[in-house]
N, C-alpha and C. Protein backbone atom coordinates (compact mmCIF):
# COMPACT_ATOMS: atom_id res chain seq x y z
N MET A 1 53.60 31.06 121.93
CA MET A 1 54.89 30.40 121.95
C MET A 1 55.77 30.97 123.07
N TYR A 2 55.88 32.29 123.14
CA TYR A 2 56.71 32.94 124.16
C TYR A 2 56.25 32.56 125.56
N GLU A 3 54.96 32.70 125.81
CA GLU A 3 54.43 32.43 127.16
C GLU A 3 54.63 30.97 127.55
N ALA A 4 54.46 30.06 126.62
CA ALA A 4 54.53 28.64 126.92
C ALA A 4 55.95 28.14 127.18
N SER A 5 56.95 28.76 126.56
CA SER A 5 58.28 28.19 126.72
C SER A 5 59.38 29.21 127.06
N PHE A 6 59.47 30.29 126.35
CA PHE A 6 60.60 31.21 126.50
C PHE A 6 60.48 32.13 127.71
N LYS A 7 59.28 32.49 128.11
CA LYS A 7 59.08 33.45 129.20
C LYS A 7 59.74 32.98 130.49
N ARG A 8 59.60 31.72 130.83
CA ARG A 8 60.19 31.21 132.08
C ARG A 8 61.73 31.28 132.02
N LEU A 9 62.31 30.94 130.89
CA LEU A 9 63.76 31.02 130.73
C LEU A 9 64.22 32.48 130.81
N PHE A 10 63.51 33.36 130.14
CA PHE A 10 63.80 34.80 130.17
C PHE A 10 63.77 35.31 131.60
N ASP A 11 62.71 34.95 132.34
CA ASP A 11 62.58 35.36 133.75
C ASP A 11 63.76 34.87 134.57
N PHE A 12 64.09 33.60 134.42
CA PHE A 12 65.15 32.99 135.23
C PHE A 12 66.49 33.68 134.98
N VAL A 13 66.85 33.84 133.71
CA VAL A 13 68.15 34.43 133.37
C VAL A 13 68.22 35.89 133.84
N LEU A 14 67.18 36.66 133.57
CA LEU A 14 67.19 38.07 133.96
C LEU A 14 67.19 38.23 135.48
N ALA A 15 66.43 37.40 136.20
CA ALA A 15 66.40 37.47 137.66
C ALA A 15 67.75 37.10 138.25
N LEU A 16 68.40 36.10 137.68
CA LEU A 16 69.72 35.70 138.15
C LEU A 16 70.74 36.81 137.94
N LEU A 17 70.72 37.43 136.77
CA LEU A 17 71.62 38.56 136.50
C LEU A 17 71.33 39.73 137.44
N ALA A 18 70.06 40.02 137.66
CA ALA A 18 69.67 41.11 138.56
C ALA A 18 70.15 40.83 139.98
N LEU A 19 70.01 39.59 140.43
CA LEU A 19 70.49 39.24 141.77
C LEU A 19 72.00 39.44 141.89
N LEU A 20 72.72 39.03 140.88
CA LEU A 20 74.18 39.20 140.90
C LEU A 20 74.55 40.68 140.95
N LEU A 21 73.92 41.48 140.12
CA LEU A 21 74.22 42.91 140.06
C LEU A 21 73.77 43.66 141.31
N LEU A 22 72.62 43.26 141.85
CA LEU A 22 72.03 43.99 142.98
C LEU A 22 72.40 43.42 144.34
N SER A 23 73.19 42.35 144.38
CA SER A 23 73.52 41.72 145.67
C SER A 23 74.21 42.68 146.64
N PRO A 24 75.11 43.58 146.22
CA PRO A 24 75.67 44.53 147.20
C PRO A 24 74.59 45.43 147.81
N LEU A 25 73.68 45.92 147.00
CA LEU A 25 72.58 46.75 147.49
C LEU A 25 71.69 45.95 148.44
N MET A 26 71.41 44.70 148.09
CA MET A 26 70.57 43.87 148.94
C MET A 26 71.25 43.57 150.27
N LEU A 27 72.56 43.38 150.24
CA LEU A 27 73.31 43.15 151.48
C LEU A 27 73.25 44.39 152.37
N LEU A 28 73.42 45.56 151.78
CA LEU A 28 73.33 46.82 152.55
C LEU A 28 71.94 46.99 153.16
N ALA A 29 70.91 46.68 152.39
CA ALA A 29 69.54 46.78 152.90
C ALA A 29 69.34 45.83 154.07
N ALA A 30 69.82 44.60 153.94
CA ALA A 30 69.68 43.62 155.02
C ALA A 30 70.42 44.09 156.28
N LEU A 31 71.61 44.62 156.10
CA LEU A 31 72.37 45.12 157.26
C LEU A 31 71.65 46.29 157.92
N ALA A 32 71.14 47.21 157.13
CA ALA A 32 70.43 48.37 157.68
C ALA A 32 69.19 47.93 158.47
N ILE A 33 68.43 46.98 157.94
CA ILE A 33 67.25 46.48 158.64
C ILE A 33 67.67 45.83 159.96
N GLY A 34 68.69 44.97 159.89
CA GLY A 34 69.16 44.28 161.08
C GLY A 34 69.67 45.22 162.15
N LEU A 35 70.41 46.25 161.75
CA LEU A 35 70.94 47.21 162.72
C LEU A 35 69.83 48.05 163.35
N GLU A 36 68.82 48.42 162.56
CA GLU A 36 67.75 49.27 163.10
C GLU A 36 66.76 48.49 163.96
N ASP A 37 66.37 47.30 163.50
CA ASP A 37 65.26 46.63 164.17
C ASP A 37 65.48 45.14 164.41
N GLY A 38 66.68 44.66 164.23
CA GLY A 38 66.96 43.26 164.51
C GLY A 38 66.59 42.34 163.35
N PHE A 39 66.54 41.08 163.68
CA PHE A 39 66.31 40.05 162.68
C PHE A 39 64.99 39.35 162.94
N PRO A 40 64.41 38.74 161.92
CA PRO A 40 64.86 38.50 160.56
C PRO A 40 64.73 39.76 159.70
N VAL A 41 65.48 39.79 158.61
CA VAL A 41 65.43 40.94 157.72
C VAL A 41 64.42 40.73 156.60
N LEU A 42 64.03 39.50 156.38
CA LEU A 42 63.05 39.20 155.33
C LEU A 42 61.65 39.04 155.91
N PHE A 43 60.69 39.51 155.18
CA PHE A 43 59.28 39.35 155.48
C PHE A 43 58.78 38.26 154.54
N ARG A 44 58.11 37.28 155.10
CA ARG A 44 57.55 36.19 154.29
C ARG A 44 56.05 36.20 154.50
N GLN A 45 55.31 36.03 153.42
CA GLN A 45 53.85 36.05 153.51
C GLN A 45 53.28 35.12 152.45
N MET A 46 52.20 34.43 152.81
CA MET A 46 51.54 33.56 151.86
C MET A 46 50.72 34.42 150.89
N ARG A 47 50.84 34.12 149.62
CA ARG A 47 50.11 34.82 148.57
C ARG A 47 49.47 33.80 147.64
N VAL A 48 48.58 34.29 146.80
CA VAL A 48 47.92 33.42 145.82
C VAL A 48 48.66 33.57 144.50
N GLY A 49 49.08 32.43 143.96
CA GLY A 49 49.86 32.44 142.73
C GLY A 49 49.09 31.87 141.55
N ARG A 50 49.85 31.34 140.63
CA ARG A 50 49.31 30.79 139.39
C ARG A 50 48.30 29.68 139.69
N ASP A 51 47.18 29.73 139.01
CA ASP A 51 46.10 28.75 139.15
C ASP A 51 45.60 28.63 140.58
N GLY A 52 45.75 29.71 141.37
CA GLY A 52 45.23 29.73 142.74
C GLY A 52 46.11 29.04 143.76
N ALA A 53 47.29 28.58 143.35
CA ALA A 53 48.20 27.89 144.28
C ALA A 53 48.83 28.89 145.25
N ALA A 54 48.89 28.50 146.51
CA ALA A 54 49.51 29.35 147.53
C ALA A 54 51.04 29.24 147.43
N PHE A 55 51.71 30.35 147.66
CA PHE A 55 53.17 30.36 147.71
C PHE A 55 53.62 31.42 148.69
N ARG A 56 54.86 31.32 149.12
CA ARG A 56 55.43 32.26 150.08
C ARG A 56 56.24 33.32 149.32
N ILE A 57 55.84 34.59 149.50
CA ILE A 57 56.54 35.70 148.86
C ILE A 57 57.60 36.24 149.82
N PHE A 58 58.70 36.74 149.26
CA PHE A 58 59.78 37.32 150.05
C PHE A 58 59.90 38.81 149.78
N LYS A 59 60.07 39.58 150.84
CA LYS A 59 60.34 41.01 150.74
C LYS A 59 61.29 41.37 151.88
N PHE A 60 61.95 42.52 151.75
CA PHE A 60 62.68 43.02 152.90
C PHE A 60 61.66 43.56 153.88
N ARG A 61 61.89 43.31 155.14
CA ARG A 61 60.97 43.74 156.19
C ARG A 61 61.06 45.25 156.35
N SER A 62 59.92 45.92 156.29
CA SER A 62 59.88 47.37 156.43
C SER A 62 59.14 47.82 157.68
N MET A 63 58.56 46.87 158.40
CA MET A 63 57.83 47.17 159.63
C MET A 63 58.52 46.47 160.80
N PRO A 64 58.23 46.93 162.01
CA PRO A 64 58.84 46.29 163.17
C PRO A 64 58.52 44.79 163.24
N VAL A 65 59.40 44.05 163.90
CA VAL A 65 59.19 42.62 164.10
C VAL A 65 57.83 42.43 164.78
N ALA A 66 57.13 41.37 164.40
CA ALA A 66 55.83 40.98 164.98
C ALA A 66 54.66 41.86 164.54
N THR A 67 54.83 42.64 163.48
CA THR A 67 53.71 43.40 162.92
C THR A 67 52.78 42.41 162.24
N PRO A 68 51.45 42.55 162.41
CA PRO A 68 50.54 41.61 161.76
C PRO A 68 50.58 41.69 160.24
N SER A 69 50.27 40.59 159.60
CA SER A 69 50.27 40.50 158.15
C SER A 69 48.93 40.98 157.61
N VAL A 70 48.97 42.02 156.76
CA VAL A 70 47.74 42.58 156.18
C VAL A 70 47.97 42.87 154.70
N ALA A 71 46.88 43.12 153.99
CA ALA A 71 46.98 43.51 152.57
C ALA A 71 47.71 44.84 152.47
N SER A 72 48.43 45.05 151.36
CA SER A 72 49.22 46.27 151.21
C SER A 72 48.38 47.53 151.28
N ALA A 73 47.12 47.47 150.86
CA ALA A 73 46.25 48.65 150.96
C ALA A 73 46.00 49.02 152.42
N ASP A 74 46.01 48.04 153.32
CA ASP A 74 45.79 48.30 154.75
C ASP A 74 47.09 48.55 155.50
N ALA A 75 48.21 48.27 154.87
CA ALA A 75 49.52 48.38 155.55
C ALA A 75 49.90 49.83 155.85
N ARG A 76 49.35 50.77 155.12
CA ARG A 76 49.71 52.17 155.35
C ARG A 76 49.36 52.65 156.75
N ALA A 77 48.37 52.00 157.37
CA ALA A 77 47.95 52.37 158.72
C ALA A 77 48.90 51.84 159.79
N LEU A 78 49.80 50.93 159.42
CA LEU A 78 50.73 50.32 160.37
C LEU A 78 52.04 51.09 160.41
N LYS A 79 52.77 50.93 161.51
CA LYS A 79 54.06 51.60 161.69
C LYS A 79 55.11 51.03 160.75
N VAL A 80 55.90 51.90 160.17
CA VAL A 80 57.00 51.52 159.29
C VAL A 80 58.28 52.04 159.93
N THR A 81 59.34 51.23 159.89
CA THR A 81 60.63 51.67 160.43
C THR A 81 61.23 52.74 159.53
N SER A 82 62.24 53.45 160.04
CA SER A 82 62.90 54.49 159.22
C SER A 82 63.54 53.88 157.99
N VAL A 83 64.26 52.78 158.18
CA VAL A 83 64.88 52.09 157.05
C VAL A 83 63.79 51.57 156.12
N GLY A 84 62.73 51.03 156.71
CA GLY A 84 61.62 50.50 155.92
C GLY A 84 60.97 51.55 155.04
N ALA A 85 60.83 52.77 155.55
CA ALA A 85 60.24 53.85 154.76
C ALA A 85 61.09 54.12 153.52
N PHE A 86 62.41 54.14 153.70
CA PHE A 86 63.30 54.35 152.57
C PHE A 86 63.21 53.18 151.58
N LEU A 87 63.21 51.95 152.10
CA LEU A 87 63.14 50.78 151.23
C LEU A 87 61.86 50.77 150.41
N ARG A 88 60.76 51.14 151.04
CA ARG A 88 59.48 51.20 150.30
C ARG A 88 59.47 52.30 149.26
N ARG A 89 59.95 53.48 149.64
CA ARG A 89 59.94 54.63 148.73
C ARG A 89 60.76 54.34 147.48
N THR A 90 61.82 53.55 147.63
CA THR A 90 62.70 53.24 146.51
C THR A 90 62.40 51.86 145.90
N ASN A 91 61.44 51.15 146.45
CA ASN A 91 61.05 49.80 146.02
C ASN A 91 62.14 48.75 146.23
N ILE A 92 63.14 49.07 147.01
CA ILE A 92 64.19 48.09 147.32
C ILE A 92 63.60 46.94 148.13
N ASP A 93 62.54 47.19 148.88
CA ASP A 93 61.91 46.13 149.68
C ASP A 93 61.41 44.97 148.81
N GLU A 94 61.19 45.22 147.53
CA GLU A 94 60.67 44.20 146.62
C GLU A 94 61.76 43.30 146.03
N LEU A 95 63.02 43.66 146.16
CA LEU A 95 64.11 42.92 145.50
C LEU A 95 64.19 41.43 145.87
N PRO A 96 63.91 41.04 147.12
CA PRO A 96 63.97 39.59 147.41
C PRO A 96 62.99 38.75 146.59
N GLN A 97 62.02 39.39 145.95
CA GLN A 97 61.10 38.64 145.09
C GLN A 97 61.81 38.08 143.87
N LEU A 98 63.02 38.53 143.61
CA LEU A 98 63.82 37.92 142.54
C LEU A 98 64.05 36.43 142.84
N PHE A 99 64.13 36.07 144.13
CA PHE A 99 64.24 34.66 144.50
C PHE A 99 62.96 33.91 144.13
N ASN A 100 61.80 34.58 144.27
CA ASN A 100 60.54 33.98 143.84
C ASN A 100 60.53 33.75 142.33
N VAL A 101 61.12 34.67 141.59
CA VAL A 101 61.19 34.51 140.13
C VAL A 101 62.09 33.32 139.80
N ILE A 102 63.22 33.23 140.47
CA ILE A 102 64.14 32.12 140.20
C ILE A 102 63.50 30.78 140.54
N ASN A 103 62.77 30.69 141.66
CA ASN A 103 62.17 29.40 142.01
C ASN A 103 60.87 29.10 141.25
N GLY A 104 60.44 30.03 140.40
CA GLY A 104 59.31 29.77 139.52
C GLY A 104 57.94 30.10 140.08
N THR A 105 57.86 30.64 141.30
CA THR A 105 56.55 31.00 141.85
C THR A 105 56.08 32.36 141.35
N MET A 106 57.01 33.15 140.80
CA MET A 106 56.67 34.45 140.23
C MET A 106 57.37 34.62 138.90
N SER A 107 56.94 35.64 138.17
CA SER A 107 57.53 36.04 136.90
C SER A 107 58.02 37.48 137.06
N LEU A 108 58.79 37.97 136.13
CA LEU A 108 59.16 39.38 136.17
C LEU A 108 57.95 40.25 135.87
N VAL A 109 57.10 39.81 134.94
CA VAL A 109 55.92 40.57 134.54
C VAL A 109 54.69 39.69 134.67
N GLY A 110 53.67 40.23 135.31
CA GLY A 110 52.40 39.53 135.51
C GLY A 110 51.58 40.29 136.53
N PRO A 111 50.43 39.78 136.91
CA PRO A 111 49.64 40.45 137.94
C PRO A 111 50.33 40.36 139.30
N ARG A 112 50.24 41.40 140.11
CA ARG A 112 50.83 41.35 141.45
C ARG A 112 50.13 40.27 142.26
N PRO A 113 50.88 39.48 143.03
CA PRO A 113 50.26 38.40 143.79
C PRO A 113 49.39 38.94 144.92
N GLY A 114 48.18 38.43 145.01
CA GLY A 114 47.26 38.88 146.03
C GLY A 114 47.24 37.97 147.24
N LEU A 115 46.52 38.41 148.25
CA LEU A 115 46.31 37.62 149.46
C LEU A 115 45.02 36.82 149.31
N ALA A 116 44.97 35.66 149.92
CA ALA A 116 43.75 34.85 149.88
C ALA A 116 42.57 35.61 150.48
N SER A 117 42.84 36.51 151.42
CA SER A 117 41.77 37.29 152.05
C SER A 117 41.15 38.34 151.12
N GLN A 118 41.78 38.59 149.99
CA GLN A 118 41.24 39.55 149.02
C GLN A 118 40.26 38.82 148.10
N ALA A 119 39.14 38.41 148.69
CA ALA A 119 38.18 37.53 148.00
C ALA A 119 37.65 38.13 146.70
N GLU A 120 37.32 39.41 146.70
CA GLU A 120 36.77 40.03 145.48
C GLU A 120 37.80 40.01 144.36
N LEU A 121 39.04 40.39 144.68
CA LEU A 121 40.11 40.39 143.68
C LEU A 121 40.34 38.98 143.14
N MET A 122 40.40 37.99 144.04
CA MET A 122 40.64 36.61 143.61
C MET A 122 39.51 36.09 142.71
N GLU A 123 38.27 36.43 143.04
CA GLU A 123 37.13 35.98 142.23
C GLU A 123 37.14 36.65 140.86
N LEU A 124 37.43 37.94 140.82
CA LEU A 124 37.52 38.64 139.53
C LEU A 124 38.63 38.04 138.67
N ARG A 125 39.76 37.73 139.26
CA ARG A 125 40.86 37.12 138.51
C ARG A 125 40.46 35.74 137.99
N ARG A 126 39.75 34.99 138.80
CA ARG A 126 39.32 33.65 138.38
C ARG A 126 38.36 33.75 137.20
N THR A 127 37.36 34.62 137.29
CA THR A 127 36.36 34.72 136.23
C THR A 127 36.92 35.32 134.94
N ARG A 128 37.95 36.16 135.04
CA ARG A 128 38.54 36.79 133.85
C ARG A 128 39.72 36.00 133.29
N GLY A 129 40.07 34.87 133.91
CA GLY A 129 41.16 34.04 133.41
C GLY A 129 42.55 34.52 133.79
N VAL A 130 42.64 35.50 134.65
CA VAL A 130 43.93 36.06 135.05
C VAL A 130 44.69 35.10 135.96
N GLN A 131 43.96 34.26 136.68
CA GLN A 131 44.60 33.35 137.64
C GLN A 131 45.55 32.36 136.97
N ARG A 132 45.40 32.17 135.67
CA ARG A 132 46.29 31.24 134.95
C ARG A 132 47.70 31.79 134.79
N LEU A 133 47.84 33.10 135.02
CA LEU A 133 49.14 33.77 134.86
C LEU A 133 49.99 33.65 136.12
N ARG A 134 51.29 33.51 135.93
CA ARG A 134 52.21 33.55 137.06
C ARG A 134 52.27 34.99 137.56
N PRO A 135 52.17 35.23 138.86
CA PRO A 135 52.24 36.61 139.37
C PRO A 135 53.59 37.23 139.06
N GLY A 136 53.61 38.56 138.98
CA GLY A 136 54.84 39.24 138.58
C GLY A 136 55.32 40.30 139.55
N LEU A 137 56.59 40.67 139.38
CA LEU A 137 57.17 41.79 140.13
C LEU A 137 56.53 43.10 139.69
N THR A 138 56.22 43.17 138.42
CA THR A 138 55.55 44.34 137.87
C THR A 138 54.54 43.85 136.84
N GLY A 139 53.70 44.74 136.39
CA GLY A 139 52.71 44.34 135.41
C GLY A 139 52.06 45.54 134.74
N LEU A 140 51.14 45.25 133.86
CA LEU A 140 50.46 46.30 133.11
C LEU A 140 49.66 47.21 134.03
N ALA A 141 49.05 46.66 135.06
CA ALA A 141 48.30 47.50 136.02
C ALA A 141 49.25 48.42 136.78
N GLN A 142 50.42 47.91 137.15
CA GLN A 142 51.36 48.71 137.93
C GLN A 142 51.87 49.91 137.15
N VAL A 143 52.11 49.75 135.87
CA VAL A 143 52.63 50.88 135.08
C VAL A 143 51.51 51.80 134.60
N ASN A 144 50.28 51.47 134.99
CA ASN A 144 49.12 52.32 134.65
C ASN A 144 48.42 52.79 135.92
N SER A 145 49.22 53.19 136.92
CA SER A 145 48.71 53.78 138.16
C SER A 145 47.94 52.80 139.03
N TYR A 146 48.58 51.71 139.40
CA TYR A 146 47.99 50.65 140.22
C TYR A 146 47.39 51.16 141.52
N ASP A 147 48.12 52.00 142.24
CA ASP A 147 47.60 52.52 143.51
C ASP A 147 46.35 53.36 143.25
N GLY A 148 45.33 53.10 144.03
CA GLY A 148 44.09 53.83 143.88
C GLY A 148 43.10 53.19 142.93
N MET A 149 43.50 52.15 142.21
CA MET A 149 42.58 51.45 141.30
C MET A 149 41.64 50.55 142.11
N THR A 150 40.46 50.38 141.58
CA THR A 150 39.56 49.38 142.16
C THR A 150 40.06 47.99 141.73
N ASP A 151 39.57 46.97 142.42
CA ASP A 151 39.94 45.60 142.03
C ASP A 151 39.53 45.32 140.59
N ALA A 152 38.36 45.81 140.19
CA ALA A 152 37.89 45.58 138.81
C ALA A 152 38.81 46.24 137.79
N GLU A 153 39.29 47.45 138.09
CA GLU A 153 40.22 48.13 137.18
C GLU A 153 41.54 47.37 137.08
N LYS A 154 42.07 46.90 138.22
CA LYS A 154 43.31 46.13 138.22
C LYS A 154 43.16 44.90 137.34
N VAL A 155 42.07 44.17 137.55
CA VAL A 155 41.85 42.93 136.81
C VAL A 155 41.63 43.21 135.34
N ASP A 156 41.04 44.33 135.02
CA ASP A 156 40.86 44.71 133.62
C ASP A 156 42.23 44.84 132.93
N TRP A 157 43.18 45.55 133.56
CA TRP A 157 44.53 45.67 133.02
C TRP A 157 45.21 44.31 132.95
N GLU A 158 45.05 43.51 134.01
CA GLU A 158 45.68 42.19 134.05
C GLU A 158 45.14 41.27 132.95
N ALA A 159 43.84 41.35 132.70
CA ALA A 159 43.22 40.55 131.64
C ALA A 159 43.73 41.00 130.26
N ARG A 160 43.91 42.31 130.09
CA ARG A 160 44.48 42.82 128.83
C ARG A 160 45.87 42.24 128.62
N TYR A 161 46.66 42.24 129.69
CA TYR A 161 48.01 41.66 129.59
C TYR A 161 47.92 40.18 129.24
N GLY A 162 47.07 39.44 129.95
CA GLY A 162 46.94 38.00 129.73
C GLY A 162 46.50 37.63 128.33
N ALA A 163 45.74 38.51 127.68
CA ALA A 163 45.25 38.24 126.33
C ALA A 163 46.34 38.35 125.28
N ARG A 164 47.43 39.04 125.62
CA ARG A 164 48.50 39.22 124.62
C ARG A 164 49.89 39.23 125.24
N VAL A 165 50.19 38.22 126.02
CA VAL A 165 51.52 38.08 126.60
C VAL A 165 52.54 37.93 125.46
N SER A 166 53.57 38.78 125.49
CA SER A 166 54.59 38.70 124.45
C SER A 166 55.93 39.19 125.00
N PHE A 167 56.98 38.81 124.33
CA PHE A 167 58.32 39.26 124.70
C PHE A 167 58.41 40.78 124.63
N VAL A 168 57.96 41.36 123.53
CA VAL A 168 58.01 42.81 123.36
C VAL A 168 57.16 43.50 124.43
N GLY A 169 56.00 42.95 124.73
CA GLY A 169 55.14 43.50 125.76
C GLY A 169 55.82 43.47 127.13
N ASP A 170 56.45 42.34 127.46
CA ASP A 170 57.14 42.23 128.75
C ASP A 170 58.30 43.21 128.85
N VAL A 171 59.09 43.33 127.80
CA VAL A 171 60.21 44.27 127.80
C VAL A 171 59.69 45.70 127.94
N THR A 172 58.62 46.02 127.24
CA THR A 172 58.03 47.36 127.33
C THR A 172 57.57 47.66 128.75
N ILE A 173 56.89 46.71 129.39
CA ILE A 173 56.42 46.91 130.76
C ILE A 173 57.61 47.07 131.71
N MET A 174 58.66 46.28 131.52
CA MET A 174 59.85 46.42 132.38
C MET A 174 60.51 47.78 132.20
N LEU A 175 60.59 48.26 130.95
CA LEU A 175 61.18 49.59 130.71
C LEU A 175 60.31 50.68 131.32
N ARG A 176 58.99 50.54 131.21
CA ARG A 176 58.09 51.52 131.83
C ARG A 176 58.23 51.48 133.35
N THR A 177 58.48 50.30 133.90
CA THR A 177 58.68 50.18 135.35
C THR A 177 59.94 50.90 135.77
N VAL A 178 61.03 50.74 135.01
CA VAL A 178 62.28 51.44 135.31
C VAL A 178 62.02 52.94 135.27
N GLY A 179 61.30 53.42 134.28
CA GLY A 179 60.96 54.83 134.21
C GLY A 179 60.18 55.30 135.43
N TYR A 180 59.26 54.49 135.88
CA TYR A 180 58.48 54.80 137.09
C TYR A 180 59.39 54.87 138.30
N LEU A 181 60.32 53.93 138.41
CA LEU A 181 61.22 53.88 139.56
C LEU A 181 62.21 55.04 139.57
N LEU A 182 62.51 55.61 138.40
CA LEU A 182 63.44 56.72 138.32
C LEU A 182 62.80 58.07 138.64
N ARG A 183 61.47 58.09 138.70
CA ARG A 183 60.78 59.33 139.06
C ARG A 183 60.99 59.62 140.56
N ARG A 184 60.76 60.85 140.92
CA ARG A 184 60.85 61.23 142.32
C ARG A 184 59.85 60.40 143.13
N PRO A 185 60.32 59.73 144.20
CA PRO A 185 59.42 58.88 144.97
C PRO A 185 58.39 59.67 145.76
N PRO A 186 57.23 59.05 146.01
CA PRO A 186 56.22 59.73 146.82
C PRO A 186 56.70 59.83 148.28
N VAL A 187 56.17 60.79 148.99
CA VAL A 187 56.53 60.97 150.40
C VAL A 187 55.53 60.22 151.25
N TYR A 188 56.03 59.38 152.16
CA TYR A 188 55.15 58.63 153.07
C TYR A 188 55.08 59.30 154.41
């Protein structure tokens, strides 16, 4: 019941409130990016969404203009701006995805959206039924040490989430995400 009807409304209302509350921070981030490395301040990239549909994800740009688009696992080898390093360390670079939540291409909680070039991940998601889920800003895999996981491990967590999507589960994952964000950030 929650997943079929209430989850989308919950996502929309919470994302709208978050955008209102975080708009001063987002404006500061945009100004800092623009002052350090020019415009545009947003990074847009095609990702694979619900049921395999392509959509454009939004993030604050953390790399110099004209940096090639690669999977996040490969992005560490690329140059990051000074402002970008701070935005990534604090996860502020992810805030524009709230617009994706509002427009319905993403959810607050779900599997992280992958790239079409991540063939193994996409196939595992398809075979495990994870592709039916709307991608999320955070998810069960993210709060269980997402970095360093194999694609199979990520999909295992995502499938567990998909098998029991619930309001309480989503709130728990969001609270665990806040706890993760409040920890001392890793050094890049």
